[in-house]
Amino acid sequence: MQKSEVKIRFTPPANWNSALLHDNAIFADLCQQFDLEPLTHYPDVAWLNQLAPTTAVKFVDNDALSTDGRYYEEYIYATAQVPTRKDNWHDFFGALIWCLFPQTKSLLNKLHMAEIAQYGLKQRSKLRNKLTLFDECGVVICLEPDVIEHADLLRQHQWQQSFVANRQDWWQGIRPMVFGHAVYEMATAPFIGLTAKALFVDVPAGFRQWPLQKAYSCLDKLLLRFITDGALLNPQQLTPLPLLGVPKWYAANQKPQFYTNNDYFRPKRHSVT
């Protein structure tokens, strides 16, 4: 990049458009679970609260946080209410993730608060950084027993082996499930370079055939145990995942040539000893 070039910050679509979701396979789970297609405008907090599990949180207008003065995580922890900005893709997807993963999202909030109690608000610990990274950019790669080798292939950036040579494994033994709400936000205007962070989780054989609600409920419980056991600090987790390389999630990746872009599908860097 030349010095005169300016890196443009991602900007989501300005207006609500349910076709953006319906026409993009990345959002297939959301459209099926929440029936988003008929919506003609941004859902408000009342609509979101109809989805929220009774044991989790309620969504409130972001003005509640502005007038309260507490830090975002502190406010959620103290009130069990999630401040939500109006007409905002990022917060809309954040709310849906709370509905899909209520136990895991509550755990992340508690872990943030424990780290804040120990280190204060200004000093961000390694765990807090990992919590934020997963919360914003995480994609869970669910692996049934007969395809667990894909975890190492993806960790080692063996993109051709996983995405091309063994493409048939995707959506069979491999089931990707988005956790990071920023991933969903950026997928509203997908671009070459869009990269998530992969968390690899072993799931039972036949997981791919489970009803959607059962699969998300199971994964919520698995993540609860996984994260409690320290998975986010494991250097083998939260590795880069070129999101548009996931089969079925981007039309252009049907052609093997798509994966020859080494600026996007980067080879693994090996440290020099």
C-alpha atoms as a PDB file:
ATOM      1  CA  MET A   1       0.000   0.000   0.000  1.00  0.00           C
ATOM      2  CA  GLN A   2       1.389   3.418  -0.952  1.00  0.00           C
ATOM      3  CA  LYS A   3       1.487   6.149   1.659  1.00  0.00           C
ATOM      4  CA  SER A   4      -1.082   8.154  -0.266  1.00  0.00           C
ATOM      5  CA  GLU A   5      -3.642   5.339  -0.077  1.00  0.00           C
ATOM      6  CA  VAL A   6      -6.286   5.494   2.622  1.00  0.00           C
ATOM      7  CA  LYS A   7      -7.602   2.337   4.232  1.00  0.00           C
ATOM      8  CA  ILE A   8     -11.378   2.577   4.125  1.00  0.00           C
ATOM      9  CA  ARG A   9     -13.277   1.513   7.223  1.00  0.00           C
ATOM     10  CA  PHE A  10     -16.041  -1.000   6.594  1.00  0.00           C
ATOM     11  CA  THR A  11     -19.462   0.592   6.313  1.00  0.00           C
ATOM     12  CA  PRO A  12     -22.581  -1.598   6.339  1.00  0.00           C
ATOM     13  CA  PRO A  13     -25.610  -0.808   4.169  1.00  0.00           C
ATOM     14  CA  ALA A  14     -27.319   2.350   5.379  1.00  0.00           C
ATOM     15  CA  ASN A  15     -30.856   1.008   5.214  1.00  0.00           C
ATOM     16  CA  TRP A  16     -32.646  -2.169   6.201  1.00  0.00           C
ATOM     17  CA  ASN A  17     -32.970  -4.695   3.398  1.00  0.00           C
ATOM     18  CA  SER A  18     -34.134  -8.203   4.242  1.00  0.00           C
ATOM     19  CA  ALA A  19     -33.064  -9.366   0.769  1.00  0.00           C
ATOM     20  CA  LEU A  20     -29.442  -8.903   1.859  1.00  0.00           C
ATOM     21  CA  LEU A  21     -30.046 -11.635   4.399  1.00  0.00           C
ATOM     22  CA  HIS A  22     -32.298 -13.915   2.390  1.00  0.00           C
ATOM     23  CA  ASP A  23     -30.001 -13.914  -0.655  1.00  0.00           C
ATOM     24  CA  ASN A  24     -26.787 -14.633   1.267  1.00  0.00           C
ATOM     25  CA  ALA A  25     -26.246 -18.197   2.527  1.00  0.00           C
ATOM     26  CA  ILE A  26     -24.191 -16.942   5.489  1.00  0.00           C
ATOM     27  CA  PHE A  27     -27.475 -15.763   6.996  1.00  0.00           C
ATOM     28  CA  ALA A  28     -29.434 -18.948   6.283  1.00  0.00           C
ATOM     29  CA  ASP A  29     -29.574 -20.014   9.933  1.00  0.00           C
ATOM     30  CA  LEU A  30     -30.781 -16.593  11.064  1.00  0.00           C
ATOM     31  CA  CYS A  31     -33.470 -16.447   8.401  1.00  0.00           C
ATOM     32  CA  GLN A  32     -34.700 -19.916   9.295  1.00  0.00           C
ATOM     33  CA  GLN A  33     -34.611 -19.401  13.053  1.00  0.00           C
ATOM     34  CA  PHE A  34     -36.080 -15.903  13.216  1.00  0.00           C
ATOM     35  CA  ASP A  35     -38.164 -15.519  10.018  1.00  0.00           C
ATOM     36  CA  LEU A  36     -36.443 -12.296   8.949  1.00  0.00           C
ATOM     37  CA  GLU A  37     -37.596 -12.197   5.323  1.00  0.00           C
ATOM     38  CA  PRO A  38     -40.974 -10.484   5.914  1.00  0.00           C
ATOM     39  CA  LEU A  39     -39.396  -7.603   7.865  1.00  0.00           C
ATOM     40  CA  THR A  40     -39.609  -4.287   6.023  1.00  0.00           C
ATOM     41  CA  HIS A  41     -37.606  -2.199   8.515  1.00  0.00           C
ATOM     42  CA  TYR A  42     -35.080  -2.582  11.301  1.00  0.00           C
ATOM     43  CA  PRO A  43     -36.578  -4.581  14.191  1.00  0.00           C
ATOM     44  CA  ASP A  44     -36.959  -2.573  17.395  1.00  0.00           C
ATOM     45  CA  VAL A  45     -36.230  -3.736  20.938  1.00  0.00           C
ATOM     46  CA  ALA A  46     -39.846  -4.820  21.426  1.00  0.00           C
ATOM     47  CA  TRP A  47     -39.537  -7.212  18.467  1.00  0.00           C
ATOM     48  CA  LEU A  48     -36.175  -8.483  19.727  1.00  0.00           C
ATOM     49  CA  ASN A  49     -37.555  -9.061  23.214  1.00  0.00           C
ATOM     50  CA  GLN A  50     -40.155 -11.397  21.772  1.00  0.00           C
ATOM     51  CA  LEU A  51     -37.246 -13.637  20.761  1.00  0.00           C
ATOM     52  CA  ALA A  52     -35.213 -13.388  23.939  1.00  0.00           C
ATOM     53  CA  PRO A  53     -35.155 -16.448  26.220  1.00  0.00           C
ATOM     54  CA  THR A  54     -36.874 -15.763  29.517  1.00  0.00           C
ATOM     55  CA  THR A  55     -33.787 -16.846  31.461  1.00  0.00           C
ATOM     56  CA  ALA A  56     -31.359 -14.583  29.604  1.00  0.00           C
ATOM     57  CA  VAL A  57     -31.554 -10.823  29.075  1.00  0.00           C
ATOM     58  CA  LYS A  58     -33.846  -8.116  27.794  1.00  0.00           C
ATOM     59  CA  PHE A  59     -32.951  -5.581  25.154  1.00  0.00           C
ATOM     60  CA  VAL A  60     -33.295  -1.880  25.898  1.00  0.00           C
ATOM     61  CA  ASP A  61     -32.695   1.295  23.948  1.00  0.00           C
ATOM     62  CA  ASN A  62     -29.080   2.429  24.040  1.00  0.00           C
ATOM     63  CA  ASP A  63     -30.189   5.673  25.719  1.00  0.00           C
ATOM     64  CA  ALA A  64     -30.474   3.658  28.929  1.00  0.00           C
ATOM     65  CA  LEU A  65     -26.717   3.127  28.881  1.00  0.00           C
ATOM     66  CA  SER A  66     -25.996   6.745  27.975  1.00  0.00           C
ATOM     67  CA  THR A  67     -27.942   8.066  30.933  1.00  0.00           C
ATOM     68  CA  ASP A  68     -26.674   5.394  33.333  1.00  0.00           C
ATOM     69  CA  GLY A  69     -22.977   6.080  32.887  1.00  0.00           C
ATOM     70  CA  ARG A  70     -21.703   2.586  33.583  1.00  0.00           C
ATOM     71  CA  TYR A  71     -19.431   0.635  31.245  1.00  0.00           C
ATOM     72  CA  TYR A  72     -21.293  -1.561  28.723  1.00  0.00           C
ATOM     73  CA  GLU A  73     -20.337  -4.899  30.302  1.00  0.00           C
ATOM     74  CA  GLU A  74     -21.003  -3.570  33.809  1.00  0.00           C
ATOM     75  CA  TYR A  75     -24.468  -2.412  32.812  1.00  0.00           C
ATOM     76  CA  ILE A  76     -25.402  -5.806  31.337  1.00  0.00           C
ATOM     77  CA  TYR A  77     -24.025  -7.641  34.374  1.00  0.00           C
ATOM     78  CA  ALA A  78     -25.914  -5.458  36.854  1.00  0.00           C
ATOM     79  CA  THR A  79     -29.236  -5.164  35.021  1.00  0.00           C
ATOM     80  CA  ALA A  80     -29.517  -8.222  32.720  1.00  0.00           C
ATOM     81  CA  GLN A  81     -30.359  -5.697  30.005  1.00  0.00           C
ATOM     82  CA  VAL A  82     -28.471  -5.264  26.738  1.00  0.00           C
ATOM     83  CA  PRO A  83     -28.285  -1.675  25.405  1.00  0.00           C
ATOM     84  CA  THR A  84     -29.179  -1.779  21.714  1.00  0.00           C
ATOM     85  CA  ARG A  85     -28.757   1.027  19.216  1.00  0.00           C
ATOM     86  CA  LYS A  86     -31.712   1.783  16.966  1.00  0.00           C
ATOM     87  CA  ASP A  87     -31.459   1.005  13.243  1.00  0.00           C
ATOM     88  CA  ASN A  88     -28.018  -0.527  13.659  1.00  0.00           C
ATOM     89  CA  TRP A  89     -26.858  -3.725  11.937  1.00  0.00           C
ATOM     90  CA  HIS A  90     -24.126  -4.431  14.494  1.00  0.00           C
ATOM     91  CA  ASP A  91     -26.442  -4.325  17.493  1.00  0.00           C
ATOM     92  CA  PHE A  92     -29.221  -6.140  15.641  1.00  0.00           C
ATOM     93  CA  PHE A  93     -26.928  -9.102  15.000  1.00  0.00           C
ATOM     94  CA  GLY A  94     -25.593  -8.845  18.544  1.00  0.00           C
ATOM     95  CA  ALA A  95     -29.112  -9.292  19.852  1.00  0.00           C
ATOM     96  CA  LEU A  96     -29.705 -12.361  17.690  1.00  0.00           C
ATOM     97  CA  ILE A  97     -26.495 -13.932  18.996  1.00  0.00           C
ATOM     98  CA  TRP A  98     -27.780 -13.390  22.563  1.00  0.00           C
ATOM     99  CA  CYS A  99     -30.906 -15.304  21.538  1.00  0.00           C
ATOM    100  CA  LEU A 100     -28.967 -18.166  19.943  1.00  0.00           C
ATOM    101  CA  PHE A 101     -26.253 -18.497  22.595  1.00  0.00           C
ATOM    102  CA  PRO A 102     -27.721 -17.124  25.860  1.00  0.00           C
ATOM    103  CA  GLN A 103     -25.531 -19.194  28.189  1.00  0.00           C
ATOM    104  CA  THR A 104     -22.297 -18.488  26.333  1.00  0.00           C
ATOM    105  CA  LYS A 105     -23.001 -14.767  26.032  1.00  0.00           C
ATOM    106  CA  SER A 106     -23.761 -14.582  29.763  1.00  0.00           C
ATOM    107  CA  LEU A 107     -20.510 -16.405  30.485  1.00  0.00           C
ATOM    108  CA  LEU A 108     -18.518 -13.956  28.367  1.00  0.00           C
ATOM    109  CA  ASN A 109     -20.099 -11.091  30.290  1.00  0.00           C
ATOM    110  CA  LYS A 110     -19.173 -12.685  33.636  1.00  0.00           C
ATOM    111  CA  LEU A 111     -15.614 -13.326  32.487  1.00  0.00           C
ATOM    112  CA  HIS A 112     -15.268  -9.718  31.364  1.00  0.00           C
ATOM    113  CA  MET A 113     -16.429  -8.570  34.782  1.00  0.00           C
ATOM    114  CA  ALA A 114     -14.001 -10.884  36.582  1.00  0.00           C
ATOM    115  CA  GLU A 115     -11.123  -9.512  34.518  1.00  0.00           C
ATOM    116  CA  ILE A 116     -12.249  -5.930  35.130  1.00  0.00           C
ATOM    117  CA  ALA A 117     -12.403  -6.605  38.868  1.00  0.00           C
ATOM    118  CA  GLN A 118      -8.819  -7.861  38.751  1.00  0.00           C
ATOM    119  CA  TYR A 119      -7.208  -5.446  36.286  1.00  0.00           C
ATOM    120  CA  GLY A 120      -9.544  -2.452  36.095  1.00  0.00           C
ATOM    121  CA  LEU A 121     -11.319  -1.001  33.077  1.00  0.00           C
ATOM    122  CA  LYS A 122      -8.319   0.551  31.351  1.00  0.00           C
ATOM    123  CA  GLN A 123      -5.927  -2.400  31.405  1.00  0.00           C
ATOM    124  CA  ARG A 124      -7.133  -5.057  29.009  1.00  0.00           C
ATOM    125  CA  SER A 125      -5.892  -8.514  29.943  1.00  0.00           C
ATOM    126  CA  LYS A 126      -5.061 -11.226  27.403  1.00  0.00           C
ATOM    127  CA  LEU A 127      -8.294 -13.019  28.264  1.00  0.00           C
ATOM    128  CA  ARG A 128     -10.415  -9.895  27.757  1.00  0.00           C
ATOM    129  CA  ASN A 129      -8.856  -9.411  24.333  1.00  0.00           C
ATOM    130  CA  LYS A 130      -9.664 -13.020  23.423  1.00  0.00           C
ATOM    131  CA  LEU A 131     -13.206 -12.680  24.730  1.00  0.00           C
ATOM    132  CA  THR A 132     -13.742  -9.631  22.550  1.00  0.00           C
ATOM    133  CA  LEU A 133     -12.156 -11.289  19.519  1.00  0.00           C
ATOM    134  CA  PHE A 134     -14.455 -14.299  19.769  1.00  0.00           C
ATOM    135  CA  ASP A 135     -17.487 -12.163  20.559  1.00  0.00           C
ATOM    136  CA  GLU A 136     -16.963  -9.998  17.489  1.00  0.00           C
ATOM    137  CA  CYS A 137     -15.292 -12.296  14.952  1.00  0.00           C
ATOM    138  CA  GLY A 138     -15.761 -15.908  16.057  1.00  0.00           C
ATOM    139  CA  VAL A 139     -16.973 -18.692  13.789  1.00  0.00           C
ATOM    140  CA  VAL A 140     -17.364 -22.106  15.393  1.00  0.00           C
ATOM    141  CA  ILE A 141     -16.228 -24.962  13.156  1.00  0.00           C
ATOM    142  CA  CYS A 142     -18.224 -27.958  14.379  1.00  0.00           C
ATOM    143  CA  LEU A 143     -16.437 -31.184  13.487  1.00  0.00           C
ATOM    144  CA  GLU A 144     -17.949 -34.652  13.566  1.00  0.00           C
ATOM    145  CA  PRO A 145     -15.544 -37.504  14.428  1.00  0.00           C
ATOM    146  CA  ASP A 146     -14.755 -38.561  10.847  1.00  0.00           C
ATOM    147  CA  VAL A 147     -13.547 -35.114   9.713  1.00  0.00           C
ATOM    148  CA  ILE A 148     -11.543 -33.848  12.678  1.00  0.00           C
ATOM    149  CA  GLU A 149      -8.425 -33.612  10.502  1.00  0.00           C
ATOM    150  CA  HIS A 150      -9.866 -30.413   9.022  1.00  0.00           C
ATOM    151  CA  ALA A 151      -9.009 -28.581  12.228  1.00  0.00           C
ATOM    152  CA  ASP A 152      -5.298 -29.053  11.563  1.00  0.00           C
ATOM    153  CA  LEU A 153      -5.707 -28.354   7.847  1.00  0.00           C
ATOM    154  CA  LEU A 154      -7.303 -24.990   8.574  1.00  0.00           C
ATOM    155  CA  ARG A 155      -4.900 -24.145  11.395  1.00  0.00           C
ATOM    156  CA  GLN A 156      -1.999 -24.804   9.030  1.00  0.00           C
ATOM    157  CA  HIS A 157      -3.639 -22.761   6.255  1.00  0.00           C
ATOM    158  CA  GLN A 158      -3.978 -25.799   4.022  1.00  0.00           C
ATOM    159  CA  TRP A 159      -6.844 -24.099   2.252  1.00  0.00           C
ATOM    160  CA  GLN A 160      -6.649 -26.192  -0.903  1.00  0.00           C
ATOM    161  CA  GLN A 161      -6.799 -29.426   1.064  1.00  0.00           C
ATOM    162  CA  SER A 162      -9.820 -28.418   3.137  1.00  0.00           C
ATOM    163  CA  PHE A 163     -11.829 -26.192   0.796  1.00  0.00           C
ATOM    164  CA  VAL A 164     -11.053 -27.864  -2.552  1.00  0.00           C
ATOM    165  CA  ALA A 165      -9.629 -31.386  -2.301  1.00  0.00           C
ATOM    166  CA  ASN A 166     -11.938 -32.372   0.571  1.00  0.00           C
ATOM    167  CA  ARG A 167     -14.770 -29.996  -0.210  1.00  0.00           C
ATOM    168  CA  GLN A 168     -17.347 -32.778   0.122  1.00  0.00           C
ATOM    169  CA  ASP A 169     -16.766 -32.824   3.900  1.00  0.00           C
ATOM    170  CA  TRP A 170     -18.233 -29.338   4.321  1.00  0.00           C
ATOM    171  CA  TRP A 171     -21.858 -29.348   5.417  1.00  0.00           C
ATOM    172  CA  GLN A 172     -21.527 -33.083   5.932  1.00  0.00           C
ATOM    173  CA  GLY A 173     -19.166 -33.649   8.841  1.00  0.00           C
ATOM    174  CA  ILE A 174     -18.183 -29.961   9.030  1.00  0.00           C
ATOM    175  CA  ARG A 175     -20.803 -27.467  10.169  1.00  0.00           C
ATOM    176  CA  PRO A 176     -19.690 -23.807  10.468  1.00  0.00           C
ATOM    177  CA  MET A 177     -21.792 -21.660  12.831  1.00  0.00           C
ATOM    178  CA  VAL A 178     -21.263 -17.928  13.252  1.00  0.00           C
ATOM    179  CA  PHE A 179     -20.878 -16.535  16.760  1.00  0.00           C
ATOM    180  CA  GLY A 180     -19.335 -13.116  16.112  1.00  0.00           C
ATOM    181  CA  HIS A 181     -21.916 -10.455  15.417  1.00  0.00           C
ATOM    182  CA  ALA A 182     -19.347  -8.300  13.572  1.00  0.00           C
ATOM    183  CA  VAL A 183     -18.919 -11.202  11.135  1.00  0.00           C
ATOM    184  CA  TYR A 184     -22.606 -11.024  10.329  1.00  0.00           C
ATOM    185  CA  GLU A 185     -22.463  -7.245  10.023  1.00  0.00           C
ATOM    186  CA  MET A 186     -19.591  -7.363   7.516  1.00  0.00           C
ATOM    187  CA  ALA A 187     -21.294 -10.144   5.585  1.00  0.00           C
ATOM    188  CA  THR A 188     -24.044  -7.665   4.656  1.00  0.00           C
ATOM    189  CA  ALA A 189     -21.480  -6.249   2.197  1.00  0.00           C
ATOM    190  CA  PRO A 190     -18.979  -9.100   1.740  1.00  0.00           C
ATOM    191  CA  PHE A 191     -15.510  -8.244   0.467  1.00  0.00           C
ATOM    192  CA  ILE A 192     -12.354 -10.161  -0.374  1.00  0.00           C
ATOM    193  CA  GLY A 193     -10.330  -9.996   2.802  1.00  0.00           C
ATOM    194  CA  LEU A 194     -13.206 -10.713   5.184  1.00  0.00           C
ATOM    195  CA  THR A 195     -11.604 -12.939   7.808  1.00  0.00           C
ATOM    196  CA  ALA A 196     -13.097 -14.522  10.915  1.00  0.00           C
ATOM    197  CA  LYS A 197     -11.519 -16.358  13.839  1.00  0.00           C
ATOM    198  CA  ALA A 198     -12.130 -20.105  13.935  1.00  0.00           C
ATOM    199  CA  LEU A 199     -12.913 -21.983  17.124  1.00  0.00           C
ATOM    200  CA  PHE A 200     -12.824 -25.750  16.556  1.00  0.00           C
ATOM    201  CA  VAL A 201     -15.336 -27.835  18.516  1.00  0.00           C
ATOM    202  CA  ASP A 202     -15.914 -31.588  18.331  1.00  0.00           C
ATOM    203  CA  VAL A 203     -19.583 -32.538  18.003  1.00  0.00           C
ATOM    204  CA  PRO A 204     -21.385 -35.907  17.943  1.00  0.00           C
ATOM    205  CA  ALA A 205     -21.729 -37.926  14.745  1.00  0.00           C
ATOM    206  CA  GLY A 206     -24.881 -36.917  12.904  1.00  0.00           C
ATOM    207  CA  PHE A 207     -24.815 -33.343  14.259  1.00  0.00           C
ATOM    208  CA  ARG A 208     -25.317 -32.029  10.729  1.00  0.00           C
ATOM    209  CA  GLN A 209     -28.778 -33.639  10.640  1.00  0.00           C
ATOM    210  CA  TRP A 210     -30.025 -32.173  13.911  1.00  0.00           C
ATOM    211  CA  PRO A 211     -32.853 -29.615  13.840  1.00  0.00           C
ATOM    212  CA  LEU A 212     -31.477 -26.087  13.934  1.00  0.00           C
ATOM    213  CA  GLN A 213     -32.749 -25.180  17.387  1.00  0.00           C
ATOM    214  CA  LYS A 214     -31.353 -28.385  18.904  1.00  0.00           C
ATOM    215  CA  ALA A 215     -27.968 -27.830  17.248  1.00  0.00           C
ATOM    216  CA  TYR A 216     -27.650 -24.273  18.590  1.00  0.00           C
ATOM    217  CA  SER A 217     -28.798 -25.306  22.054  1.00  0.00           C
ATOM    218  CA  CYS A 218     -26.219 -28.105  22.120  1.00  0.00           C
ATOM    219  CA  LEU A 219     -23.449 -25.821  20.890  1.00  0.00           C
ATOM    220  CA  ASP A 220     -24.348 -23.218  23.504  1.00  0.00           C
ATOM    221  CA  LYS A 221     -23.776 -25.824  26.221  1.00  0.00           C
ATOM    222  CA  LEU A 222     -20.571 -27.097  24.601  1.00  0.00           C
ATOM    223  CA  LEU A 223     -19.153 -23.581  24.356  1.00  0.00           C
ATOM    224  CA  LEU A 224     -20.023 -22.927  27.985  1.00  0.00           C
ATOM    225  CA  ARG A 225     -17.843 -25.835  29.086  1.00  0.00           C
ATOM    226  CA  PHE A 226     -15.198 -25.241  26.438  1.00  0.00           C
ATOM    227  CA  ILE A 227     -14.626 -21.596  27.325  1.00  0.00           C
ATOM    228  CA  THR A 228     -14.787 -22.248  31.072  1.00  0.00           C
ATOM    229  CA  ASP A 229     -11.957 -24.744  30.550  1.00  0.00           C
ATOM    230  CA  GLY A 230      -9.794 -22.034  28.958  1.00  0.00           C
ATOM    231  CA  ALA A 231     -10.229 -22.758  25.243  1.00  0.00           C
ATOM    232  CA  LEU A 232      -9.961 -19.113  24.199  1.00  0.00           C
ATOM    233  CA  LEU A 233      -6.402 -18.911  25.539  1.00  0.00           C
ATOM    234  CA  ASN A 234      -5.346 -21.986  23.566  1.00  0.00           C
ATOM    235  CA  PRO A 235      -3.035 -20.839  20.733  1.00  0.00           C
ATOM    236  CA  GLN A 236      -4.587 -23.525  18.505  1.00  0.00           C
ATOM    237  CA  GLN A 237      -7.919 -21.725  18.686  1.00  0.00           C
ATOM    238  CA  LEU A 238      -9.166 -18.477  17.149  1.00  0.00           C
ATOM    239  CA  THR A 239      -7.007 -18.987  14.062  1.00  0.00           C
ATOM    240  CA  PRO A 240      -7.664 -16.983  10.877  1.00  0.00           C
ATOM    241  CA  LEU A 241     -10.484 -18.200   8.642  1.00  0.00           C
ATOM    242  CA  PRO A 242     -10.997 -16.565   5.203  1.00  0.00           C
ATOM    243  CA  LEU A 243     -14.764 -16.459   5.559  1.00  0.00           C
ATOM    244  CA  LEU A 244     -15.639 -16.284   1.884  1.00  0.00           C
ATOM    245  CA  GLY A 245     -13.762 -19.533   1.338  1.00  0.00           C
ATOM    246  CA  VAL A 246     -16.365 -21.519   3.257  1.00  0.00           C
ATOM    247  CA  PRO A 247     -18.226 -23.606   0.669  1.00  0.00           C
ATOM    248  CA  LYS A 248     -21.741 -22.307  -0.115  1.00  0.00           C
ATOM    249  CA  TRP A 249     -21.062 -18.993   1.642  1.00  0.00           C
ATOM    250  CA  TYR A 250     -19.818 -17.138  -1.441  1.00  0.00           C
ATOM    251  CA  ALA A 251     -20.815 -17.847  -5.034  1.00  0.00           C
ATOM    252  CA  ALA A 252     -17.360 -17.265  -6.525  1.00  0.00           C
ATOM    253  CA  ASN A 253     -15.781 -20.009  -4.409  1.00  0.00           C
ATOM    254  CA  GLN A 254     -17.496 -22.681  -6.504  1.00  0.00           C
ATOM    255  CA  LYS A 255     -14.530 -22.329  -8.867  1.00  0.00           C
ATOM    256  CA  PRO A 256     -11.215 -23.768  -7.592  1.00  0.00           C
ATOM    257  CA  GLN A 257      -9.378 -20.745  -9.010  1.00  0.00           C
ATOM    258  CA  PHE A 258     -10.944 -18.605  -6.299  1.00  0.00           C
ATOM    259  CA  TYR A 259      -8.602 -20.182  -3.769  1.00  0.00           C
ATOM    260  CA  THR A 260      -5.436 -19.248  -5.670  1.00  0.00           C
ATOM    261  CA  ASN A 261      -5.564 -15.661  -4.356  1.00  0.00           C
ATOM    262  CA  ASN A 262      -2.633 -15.842  -1.935  1.00  0.00           C
ATOM    263  CA  ASP A 263      -3.335 -12.346  -0.642  1.00  0.00           C
ATOM    264  CA  TYR A 264      -6.575 -13.694   0.820  1.00  0.00           C
ATOM    265  CA  PHE A 265      -5.772 -17.377   1.317  1.00  0.00           C
ATOM    266  CA  ARG A 266      -2.411 -16.717   2.848  1.00  0.00           C
ATOM    267  CA  PRO A 267       0.123 -19.476   3.498  1.00  0.00           C
ATOM    268  CA  LYS A 268       1.067 -20.209   7.064  1.00  0.00           C
ATOM    269  CA  ARG A 269       3.891 -18.107   8.435  1.00  0.00           C
ATOM    270  CA  HIS A 270       6.547 -20.101  10.216  1.00  0.00           C
ATOM    271  CA  SER A 271       8.626 -18.375  12.862  1.00  0.00           C
ATOM    272  CA  VAL A 272      12.344 -18.238  12.241  1.00  0.00           C
ATOM    273  CA  THR A 273      14.391 -19.841  15.023  1.00  0.00           C
END
